[in-house]
């Protein structure tokens, strides 16, 4: 079975089953194992001098280990490839987590804060309803790129080694890629490599969202908004999502008790964002997901 068709089956499996709780209650999820590996290297190497060098060494160890594991697993055939790829995709679980924020927000702002705290890293205790909604939509857009499009992209280019290298790098970036005193130097290599790996997928995600909703003519506006974002990649899917939904995203938010004055993405869009807009973002995710599934199926059939 060619790589496109393997990806199609993996996407369908993930879309249907998501993250089976009964399975991951019994066994550690691969993302958890990757996190443990990153945590061990952080604890072991992130000390003393030459932190930048040790950070590069950490990235090399993680990438080499992911590549070797991918090569070994690929020897067991397409069924193993399907299962591993499905586990490393996150469409259904992302949609469920984002939808949960909309449902909770309809009950109360406090319920919305508690739900969105499960999917974002910013402070949520003082958020109002629109801030909760913006955070959920931003998470939907960014994680659709990071959790579905980018892994699929690197699986198509590099098979299991490709998707495993991407996922371990993305995990490392989420754990040690922050510009804090502890990780500014040590996590630099992981953060920059993650930026490189997401460079194309983030823009493909934005283009896909815009194309399916007839906004390609406004892609220059999406590009301009994306460049206002603090992240070189996350701004692209967020800007496209903001354009399609007609809302303003990003903007000021608090991290660790410190308010950051970030600019809005699509600032002319609606600021009074609500749970219906969150539901709209989930619909966008599924529509683009179906389009990717169809395109990969057609490519797989043609190649076969």
Protein backbone atom coordinates (compact mmCIF):
# COMPACT_ATOMS: atom_id res chain seq x y z
CA UNK A 1 0.00 0.00 0.00
CA UNK A 2 1.45 3.39 -0.97
CA UNK A 3 2.04 6.17 1.55
CA UNK A 4 -0.99 8.22 0.49
CA UNK A 5 -3.38 5.32 1.06
CA UNK A 6 -1.73 4.44 4.37
CA UNK A 7 -2.31 8.03 5.45
CA UNK A 8 -5.94 7.89 4.31
CA UNK A 9 -6.62 4.80 6.41
CA UNK A 10 -4.77 6.33 9.38
CA UNK A 11 -6.75 9.57 9.12
CA UNK A 12 -10.03 7.66 8.87
CA UNK A 13 -9.10 5.57 11.92
CA UNK A 14 -8.19 8.66 13.93
CA UNK A 15 -11.31 10.49 12.75
CA UNK A 16 -13.53 7.61 13.81
CA UNK A 17 -11.90 6.53 17.08
CA UNK A 18 -9.90 9.51 18.30
CA UNK A 19 -8.07 8.74 21.54
CA UNK A 20 -9.69 5.62 23.10
CA UNK A 21 -9.66 6.26 26.83
CA UNK A 22 -9.72 2.56 27.66
CA UNK A 23 -6.48 2.07 25.73
CA UNK A 24 -4.49 5.00 27.08
CA UNK A 25 -5.64 4.32 30.62
CA UNK A 26 -3.79 1.01 30.34
CA UNK A 27 -0.77 1.99 28.27
CA UNK A 28 1.25 5.20 28.02
CA UNK A 29 0.46 7.24 24.92
CA UNK A 30 3.44 7.72 22.55
CA UNK A 31 3.23 11.47 23.21
CA UNK A 32 3.65 10.72 26.92
CA UNK A 33 6.70 8.55 26.18
CA UNK A 34 8.17 11.32 24.05
CA UNK A 35 7.52 13.76 26.87
CA UNK A 36 9.32 11.50 29.32
CA UNK A 37 12.33 11.31 26.99
CA UNK A 38 12.43 15.09 26.68
CA UNK A 39 11.99 15.49 30.43
CA UNK A 40 14.82 13.06 31.16
CA UNK A 41 17.22 14.87 28.83
CA UNK A 42 16.16 18.22 30.25
CA UNK A 43 16.83 17.04 33.79
CA UNK A 44 20.11 15.33 32.86
CA UNK A 45 21.70 17.84 30.49
CA UNK A 46 20.15 21.23 31.26
CA UNK A 47 22.64 22.31 33.88
CA UNK A 48 26.01 23.97 34.21
CA UNK A 49 27.63 25.72 31.26
CA UNK A 50 27.33 25.26 27.48
CA UNK A 51 23.54 24.97 27.66
CA UNK A 52 23.18 25.90 23.98
CA UNK A 53 25.48 23.03 22.96
CA UNK A 54 23.68 20.62 25.27
CA UNK A 55 20.38 21.73 23.77
CA UNK A 56 21.63 20.92 20.28
CA UNK A 57 22.85 17.54 21.54
CA UNK A 58 19.42 16.90 23.07
CA UNK A 59 17.72 17.62 19.74
CA UNK A 60 20.15 15.33 17.89
CA UNK A 61 19.47 12.49 20.36
CA UNK A 62 15.69 12.92 20.05
CA UNK A 63 15.71 13.14 16.25
CA UNK A 64 18.09 10.21 15.85
CA UNK A 65 16.03 8.09 18.22
CA UNK A 66 12.78 8.95 16.41
CA UNK A 67 14.35 8.19 13.03
CA UNK A 68 15.70 4.81 14.22
CA UNK A 69 12.38 3.84 15.80
CA UNK A 70 10.54 4.82 12.62
CA UNK A 71 12.86 2.75 10.43
CA UNK A 72 12.42 -0.29 12.69
CA UNK A 73 8.61 0.00 12.88
CA UNK A 74 8.32 0.46 9.12
CA UNK A 75 9.81 -2.99 8.61
CA UNK A 76 6.62 -4.55 10.02
CA UNK A 77 4.49 -3.45 7.07
CA UNK A 78 1.66 -1.11 6.23
CA UNK A 79 -0.67 -2.16 9.07
CA UNK A 80 1.83 -1.02 11.70
CA UNK A 81 2.35 2.19 9.72
CA UNK A 82 -1.40 2.81 9.75
CA UNK A 83 -1.69 2.25 13.50
CA UNK A 84 1.31 4.40 14.42
CA UNK A 85 0.26 7.23 12.10
CA UNK A 86 -3.32 7.12 13.42
CA UNK A 87 -2.08 7.38 17.00
CA UNK A 88 0.09 10.38 16.12
CA UNK A 89 -2.77 12.28 14.45
CA UNK A 90 -5.27 14.16 16.59
CA UNK A 91 -8.28 15.31 14.58
CA UNK A 92 -11.16 13.85 16.59
CA UNK A 93 -9.64 14.62 20.00
CA UNK A 94 -8.92 18.22 18.93
CA UNK A 95 -12.49 18.70 17.73
CA UNK A 96 -13.84 17.20 20.96
CA UNK A 97 -11.71 19.41 23.20
CA UNK A 98 -12.60 22.59 21.32
CA UNK A 99 -16.31 21.72 21.20
CA UNK A 100 -16.19 21.09 24.96
CA UNK A 101 -15.18 24.73 25.48
CA UNK A 102 -18.22 25.97 23.53
CA UNK A 103 -20.53 23.67 25.48
CA UNK A 104 -19.04 24.76 28.81
CA UNK A 105 -19.19 28.44 27.90
CA UNK A 106 -22.90 28.12 27.24
CA UNK A 107 -23.28 27.05 30.87
CA UNK A 108 -21.14 29.83 32.37
CA UNK A 109 -17.96 31.81 31.82
CA UNK A 110 -16.35 29.95 34.73
CA UNK A 111 -17.12 26.61 33.10
CA UNK A 112 -15.68 27.95 29.86
CA UNK A 113 -12.49 29.04 31.63
CA UNK A 114 -12.06 25.58 33.14
CA UNK A 115 -12.58 23.88 29.77
CA UNK A 116 -10.25 26.15 27.80
CA UNK A 117 -7.55 25.76 30.47
CA UNK A 118 -7.24 22.16 29.28
CA UNK A 119 -6.04 23.21 25.83
CA UNK A 120 -4.12 26.50 26.25
CA UNK A 121 -1.07 27.55 28.24
CA UNK A 122 -2.11 31.13 29.03
CA UNK A 123 -3.76 32.33 32.25
CA UNK A 124 -7.51 31.71 32.15
CA UNK A 125 -8.77 32.75 35.61
CA UNK A 126 -9.70 36.31 34.59
CA UNK A 127 -10.90 35.64 31.03
CA UNK A 128 -14.27 36.96 29.92
CA UNK A 129 -16.46 35.06 27.46
CA UNK A 130 -14.94 36.50 24.26
CA UNK A 131 -11.41 35.83 25.55
CA UNK A 132 -12.33 32.20 26.26
CA UNK A 133 -13.80 31.89 22.77
CA UNK A 134 -10.77 33.45 21.09
CA UNK A 135 -8.43 31.12 22.97
CA UNK A 136 -10.44 28.07 21.90
CA UNK A 137 -10.54 29.13 18.24
CA UNK A 138 -6.82 29.93 18.21
CA UNK A 139 -6.10 26.52 19.71
CA UNK A 140 -8.30 24.89 17.08
CA UNK A 141 -6.46 26.61 14.23
CA UNK A 142 -2.92 26.19 15.55
CA UNK A 143 -3.37 22.60 16.67
CA UNK A 144 -5.03 21.63 13.40
CA UNK A 145 -1.80 22.67 11.71
CA UNK A 146 0.46 21.12 14.39
CA UNK A 147 -1.61 18.04 15.11
CA UNK A 148 -2.99 17.00 11.73
CA UNK A 149 -1.60 18.81 8.69
CA UNK A 150 2.06 18.88 9.76
CA UNK A 151 2.22 15.22 10.87
CA UNK A 152 0.43 14.17 7.67
CA UNK A 153 2.81 16.30 5.59
CA UNK A 154 5.92 14.79 7.15
CA UNK A 155 4.48 11.27 6.96
CA UNK A 156 3.97 11.72 3.21
CA UNK A 157 7.53 12.99 2.82
CA UNK A 158 9.33 10.68 5.23
CA UNK A 159 7.06 7.83 6.28
CA UNK A 160 7.16 6.75 9.92
CA UNK A 161 10.61 8.30 10.52
CA UNK A 162 9.29 11.60 9.19
CA UNK A 163 6.18 11.76 11.36
CA UNK A 164 8.04 10.55 14.47
CA UNK A 165 10.78 13.16 14.02
CA UNK A 166 8.13 15.84 13.65
CA UNK A 167 6.18 14.73 16.73
CA UNK A 168 9.19 14.42 19.02
CA UNK A 169 10.42 17.85 17.90
CA UNK A 170 6.99 19.37 18.47
CA UNK A 171 6.86 17.75 21.91
CA UNK A 172 10.29 19.10 22.77
CA UNK A 173 9.30 22.59 21.63
CA UNK A 174 6.20 22.49 23.85
CA UNK A 175 8.29 21.47 26.87
CA UNK A 176 11.63 23.25 26.55
CA UNK A 177 11.12 25.74 23.71
CA UNK A 178 10.16 28.66 25.94
CA UNK A 179 12.27 31.78 26.37
CA UNK A 180 12.55 31.39 30.13
CA UNK A 181 15.84 31.65 32.02
CA UNK A 182 15.90 27.87 32.35
CA UNK A 183 15.25 27.06 28.69
CA UNK A 184 16.21 30.12 26.66
CA UNK A 185 19.52 28.57 25.56
CA UNK A 186 18.85 24.87 26.17
CA UNK A 187 15.58 24.84 24.25
CA UNK A 188 16.68 27.11 21.41
CA UNK A 189 17.55 24.32 18.98
CA UNK A 190 14.27 22.46 19.55
CA UNK A 191 12.23 25.64 19.12
CA UNK A 192 13.98 26.69 15.92
CA UNK A 193 13.82 23.19 14.39
CA UNK A 194 10.12 23.06 15.20
CA UNK A 195 9.72 26.39 13.39
CA UNK A 196 11.45 24.93 10.34
CA UNK A 197 9.35 21.76 10.32
CA UNK A 198 6.13 23.79 10.57
CA UNK A 199 7.07 26.40 7.97
CA UNK A 200 5.34 24.72 5.02
CA UNK A 201 2.48 22.94 6.86
CA UNK A 202 1.32 26.14 8.56
CA UNK A 203 1.03 27.93 5.24
CA UNK A 204 -0.61 24.93 3.60
CA UNK A 205 -3.18 24.92 6.42
CA UNK A 206 -3.93 28.59 5.87
CA UNK A 207 -4.22 28.11 2.12
CA UNK A 208 -6.51 25.10 2.58
CA UNK A 209 -8.85 26.97 4.93
CA UNK A 210 -8.94 30.00 2.65
CA UNK A 211 -9.48 27.95 -0.52
CA UNK A 212 -12.38 25.89 0.83
CA UNK A 213 -14.22 28.99 1.99
CA UNK A 214 -13.58 31.18 -1.07
CA UNK A 215 -11.07 33.48 0.58
CA UNK A 216 -8.03 32.93 -1.65
CA UNK A 217 -8.57 36.37 -3.15
CA UNK A 218 -8.00 37.76 0.36
CA UNK A 219 -4.86 35.70 0.96
CA UNK A 220 -2.72 38.84 0.97
CA UNK A 221 -4.80 40.05 3.94
CA UNK A 222 -4.31 36.69 5.64
CA UNK A 223 -0.58 36.93 5.01
CA UNK A 224 -0.43 40.45 6.42
CA UNK A 225 -2.33 39.40 9.54
CA UNK A 226 -0.15 36.31 9.98
CA UNK A 227 2.98 38.43 9.99
CA UNK A 228 1.57 40.42 12.93
CA UNK A 229 1.53 37.26 15.04
CA UNK A 230 4.25 36.60 17.62
CA UNK A 231 4.85 33.13 16.11
CA UNK A 232 6.35 32.70 12.63
CA UNK A 233 3.94 29.83 11.92
CA UNK A 234 0.91 29.83 14.23
CA UNK A 235 -0.27 33.13 12.80
CA UNK A 236 -1.01 31.58 9.41
CA UNK A 237 -3.77 29.11 10.35
CA UNK A 238 -5.09 31.59 12.94
CA UNK A 239 -5.25 34.40 10.37
CA UNK A 240 -7.04 32.18 7.86
CA UNK A 241 -9.50 30.99 10.51
CA UNK A 242 -10.12 34.57 11.65
CA UNK A 243 -10.78 35.67 8.06
CA UNK A 244 -13.21 32.83 7.36
CA UNK A 245 -15.13 33.31 10.64
CA UNK A 246 -15.00 37.11 10.47
CA UNK A 247 -13.53 37.41 13.96
CA UNK A 248 -10.49 38.99 15.57
CA UNK A 249 -8.08 36.56 17.23
CA UNK A 250 -4.93 36.71 19.35
CA UNK A 251 -4.61 40.11 21.07
CA UNK A 252 -3.63 40.82 24.69
CA UNK A 253 -3.44 37.88 27.07
CA UNK A 254 -1.75 36.93 30.34
CA UNK A 255 1.05 34.42 30.91
CA UNK A 256 2.22 33.62 34.43
CA UNK A 257 0.42 36.68 35.79
CA UNK A 258 1.99 39.05 33.25
CA UNK A 259 -0.24 40.71 30.66
CA UNK A 260 1.26 40.68 27.16
CA UNK A 261 0.07 43.28 24.67
CA UNK A 262 0.01 41.12 21.53
CA UNK A 263 -1.64 42.57 18.42
CA UNK A 264 -4.91 41.22 17.11
CA UNK A 265 -5.00 38.99 14.06
CA UNK A 266 -7.69 40.21 11.61
CA UNK A 267 -8.22 43.17 13.95
CA UNK A 268 -11.17 44.48 11.93
CA UNK A 269 -13.11 41.27 12.61
CA UNK A 270 -15.74 40.80 15.31
CA UNK A 271 -14.33 41.08 18.83
CA UNK A 272 -17.43 39.88 20.66
CA UNK A 273 -16.66 36.24 19.93
CA UNK A 274 -18.88 33.51 21.40
CA UNK A 275 -19.53 29.76 21.55
CA UNK A 276 -21.23 29.75 18.13
CA UNK A 277 -17.96 30.99 16.63
CA UNK A 278 -16.11 28.17 18.41
CA UNK A 279 -18.49 25.69 16.83
CA UNK A 280 -17.84 27.39 13.49
CA UNK A 281 -14.11 26.81 13.88
CA UNK A 282 -14.70 23.10 14.50
CA UNK A 283 -16.78 22.93 11.31
CA UNK A 284 -13.85 24.48 9.45
CA UNK A 285 -11.50 21.81 10.84
CA UNK A 286 -13.72 18.97 9.69
CA UNK A 287 -14.30 20.47 6.24
CA UNK A 288 -10.58 20.88 5.59
CA UNK A 289 -9.91 17.42 7.05
CA UNK A 290 -12.39 15.85 4.62
CA UNK A 291 -10.78 17.74 1.73
CA UNK A 292 -7.33 16.43 2.70
CA UNK A 293 -8.74 12.92 2.99
CA UNK A 294 -10.25 13.15 -0.52
CA UNK A 295 -7.07 14.58 -2.07
CA UNK A 296 -4.88 11.90 -0.50
CA UNK A 297 -7.30 9.20 -1.64
CA UNK A 298 -7.19 10.46 -5.22
CA UNK A 299 -3.39 10.71 -5.13
CA UNK A 300 -3.11 7.23 -3.66
CA UNK A 301 -5.38 5.72 -6.32
CA UNK A 302 -3.51 7.44 -9.15
CA UNK A 303 -0.13 6.28 -7.83
CA UNK A 304 -1.41 2.74 -7.29
